[in-house]
Amino acid sequence: MTVTPHSPGPRHYDARGLICPLPVLKARKILAGMAQGEVLEIICDDPVARIDLPHFCAEAGHEHLGLVEEGGAQRHRIRHG
């Protein structure tokens, strides 16, 4: 697992190549180690992640700040709730 070290900006995780349910499981694990209000930016290329990550956020009390499609991947931003 490669997560950028804690900094004032968002943490980043590259989940390209992982398929459902791994992007959500990785996001859950990373968010568990983050403080409330911190932002995680996760990049996925699994088409199901565009449904799963927002749903996970709603269920877990995190805020899905949106996603941007770029180069066949999705960049999701999640604020720890």
C-alpha atoms as a PDB file:
ATOM      1  CA  MET A   1       0.000   0.000   0.000  1.00  0.00           C
ATOM      2  CA  THR A   2       1.460   3.343  -1.028  1.00  0.00           C
ATOM      3  CA  VAL A   3      -0.036   6.311   0.779  1.00  0.00           C
ATOM      4  CA  THR A   4       1.623   9.698   0.736  1.00  0.00           C
ATOM      5  CA  PRO A   5       2.780  10.845   4.179  1.00  0.00           C
ATOM      6  CA  HIS A   6       0.593  13.165   6.219  1.00  0.00           C
ATOM      7  CA  SER A   7       0.777  16.715   4.941  1.00  0.00           C
ATOM      8  CA  PRO A   8      -1.490  19.776   4.961  1.00  0.00           C
ATOM      9  CA  GLY A   9      -3.035  18.678   1.633  1.00  0.00           C
ATOM     10  CA  PRO A  10      -4.983  15.522   0.836  1.00  0.00           C
ATOM     11  CA  ARG A  11      -3.525  12.054   1.242  1.00  0.00           C
ATOM     12  CA  HIS A  12      -3.268  10.123  -2.017  1.00  0.00           C
ATOM     13  CA  TYR A  13      -3.736   6.447  -2.843  1.00  0.00           C
ATOM     14  CA  ASP A  14      -3.425   4.865  -6.273  1.00  0.00           C
ATOM     15  CA  ALA A  15      -5.926   1.995  -6.481  1.00  0.00           C
ATOM     16  CA  ARG A  16      -5.630   1.475 -10.237  1.00  0.00           C
ATOM     17  CA  GLY A  17      -5.708  -2.208 -11.084  1.00  0.00           C
ATOM     18  CA  LEU A  18      -7.803  -3.101  -8.028  1.00  0.00           C
ATOM     19  CA  ILE A  19     -11.326  -4.376  -8.600  1.00  0.00           C
ATOM     20  CA  CYS A  20     -14.433  -4.349  -6.412  1.00  0.00           C
ATOM     21  CA  PRO A  21     -14.446  -4.435  -3.410  1.00  0.00           C
ATOM     22  CA  LEU A  22     -10.749  -3.575  -2.956  1.00  0.00           C
ATOM     23  CA  PRO A  23     -10.916   0.198  -3.656  1.00  0.00           C
ATOM     24  CA  VAL A  24     -13.536   0.590  -0.909  1.00  0.00           C
ATOM     25  CA  LEU A  25     -11.642  -1.662   1.494  1.00  0.00           C
ATOM     26  CA  LYS A  26      -8.419   0.297   0.923  1.00  0.00           C
ATOM     27  CA  ALA A  27     -10.254   3.609   1.385  1.00  0.00           C
ATOM     28  CA  ARG A  28     -11.824   2.335   4.625  1.00  0.00           C
ATOM     29  CA  LYS A  29      -8.436   1.265   6.004  1.00  0.00           C
ATOM     30  CA  ILE A  30      -6.727   4.548   5.104  1.00  0.00           C
ATOM     31  CA  LEU A  31      -9.583   6.690   6.432  1.00  0.00           C
ATOM     32  CA  ALA A  32      -9.510   4.776   9.732  1.00  0.00           C
ATOM     33  CA  GLY A  33      -6.030   6.188  10.323  1.00  0.00           C
ATOM     34  CA  MET A  34      -6.944   9.761   9.423  1.00  0.00           C
ATOM     35  CA  ALA A  35      -8.315  12.578  11.541  1.00  0.00           C
ATOM     36  CA  GLN A  36     -11.799  13.971  11.066  1.00  0.00           C
ATOM     37  CA  GLY A  37     -11.814  16.568   8.295  1.00  0.00           C
ATOM     38  CA  GLU A  38      -8.744  15.222   6.492  1.00  0.00           C
ATOM     39  CA  VAL A  39      -9.150  14.487   2.772  1.00  0.00           C
ATOM     40  CA  LEU A  40      -8.235  11.310   0.917  1.00  0.00           C
ATOM     41  CA  GLU A  41      -7.786  11.366  -2.836  1.00  0.00           C
ATOM     42  CA  ILE A  42      -8.050   7.886  -4.331  1.00  0.00           C
ATOM     43  CA  ILE A  43      -7.515   7.043  -8.000  1.00  0.00           C
ATOM     44  CA  CYS A  44      -9.411   4.022  -9.367  1.00  0.00           C
ATOM     45  CA  ASP A  45      -9.945   2.456 -12.761  1.00  0.00           C
ATOM     46  CA  ASP A  46     -12.646  -0.036 -11.716  1.00  0.00           C
ATOM     47  CA  PRO A  47     -15.917   1.252 -13.227  1.00  0.00           C
ATOM     48  CA  VAL A  48     -17.875   0.006 -10.194  1.00  0.00           C
ATOM     49  CA  ALA A  49     -15.889   2.338  -7.895  1.00  0.00           C
ATOM     50  CA  ARG A  50     -17.889   5.338  -9.175  1.00  0.00           C
ATOM     51  CA  ILE A  51     -20.913   3.727  -7.466  1.00  0.00           C
ATOM     52  CA  ASP A  52     -19.235   1.950  -4.546  1.00  0.00           C
ATOM     53  CA  LEU A  53     -17.131   4.793  -3.121  1.00  0.00           C
ATOM     54  CA  PRO A  54     -19.961   7.362  -2.838  1.00  0.00           C
ATOM     55  CA  HIS A  55     -22.196   4.662  -1.333  1.00  0.00           C
ATOM     56  CA  PHE A  56     -19.491   3.674   1.164  1.00  0.00           C
ATOM     57  CA  CYS A  57     -19.081   7.329   2.174  1.00  0.00           C
ATOM     58  CA  ALA A  58     -22.815   7.764   2.764  1.00  0.00           C
ATOM     59  CA  GLU A  59     -22.945   4.608   4.879  1.00  0.00           C
ATOM     60  CA  ALA A  60     -19.776   5.353   6.888  1.00  0.00           C
ATOM     61  CA  GLY A  61     -20.425   9.054   7.533  1.00  0.00           C
ATOM     62  CA  HIS A  62     -17.713  10.411   5.246  1.00  0.00           C
ATOM     63  CA  GLU A  63     -18.281  13.143   2.668  1.00  0.00           C
ATOM     64  CA  HIS A  64     -17.706  12.179  -0.969  1.00  0.00           C
ATOM     65  CA  LEU A  65     -16.481  15.457  -2.437  1.00  0.00           C
ATOM     66  CA  GLY A  66     -16.852  14.248  -6.008  1.00  0.00           C
ATOM     67  CA  LEU A  67     -14.909  12.549  -8.715  1.00  0.00           C
ATOM     68  CA  VAL A  68     -13.082  13.611 -11.829  1.00  0.00           C
ATOM     69  CA  GLU A  69     -12.659  11.293 -14.818  1.00  0.00           C
ATOM     70  CA  GLU A  70      -9.228  11.504 -16.403  1.00  0.00           C
ATOM     71  CA  GLY A  71      -7.373   9.149 -18.721  1.00  0.00           C
ATOM     72  CA  GLY A  72      -9.635   6.162 -18.066  1.00  0.00           C
ATOM     73  CA  ALA A  73      -9.403   6.568 -14.287  1.00  0.00           C
ATOM     74  CA  GLN A  74     -11.507   8.252 -11.614  1.00  0.00           C
ATOM     75  CA  ARG A  75     -10.063  10.592  -9.000  1.00  0.00           C
ATOM     76  CA  HIS A  76     -12.325  10.506  -5.910  1.00  0.00           C
ATOM     77  CA  ARG A  77     -11.968  12.979  -3.038  1.00  0.00           C
ATOM     78  CA  ILE A  78     -13.306  11.894   0.352  1.00  0.00           C
ATOM     79  CA  ARG A  79     -13.423  13.979   3.550  1.00  0.00           C
ATOM     80  CA  HIS A  80     -13.194  11.929   6.740  1.00  0.00           C
ATOM     81  CA  GLY A  81     -16.419  12.347   8.717  1.00  0.00           C
END
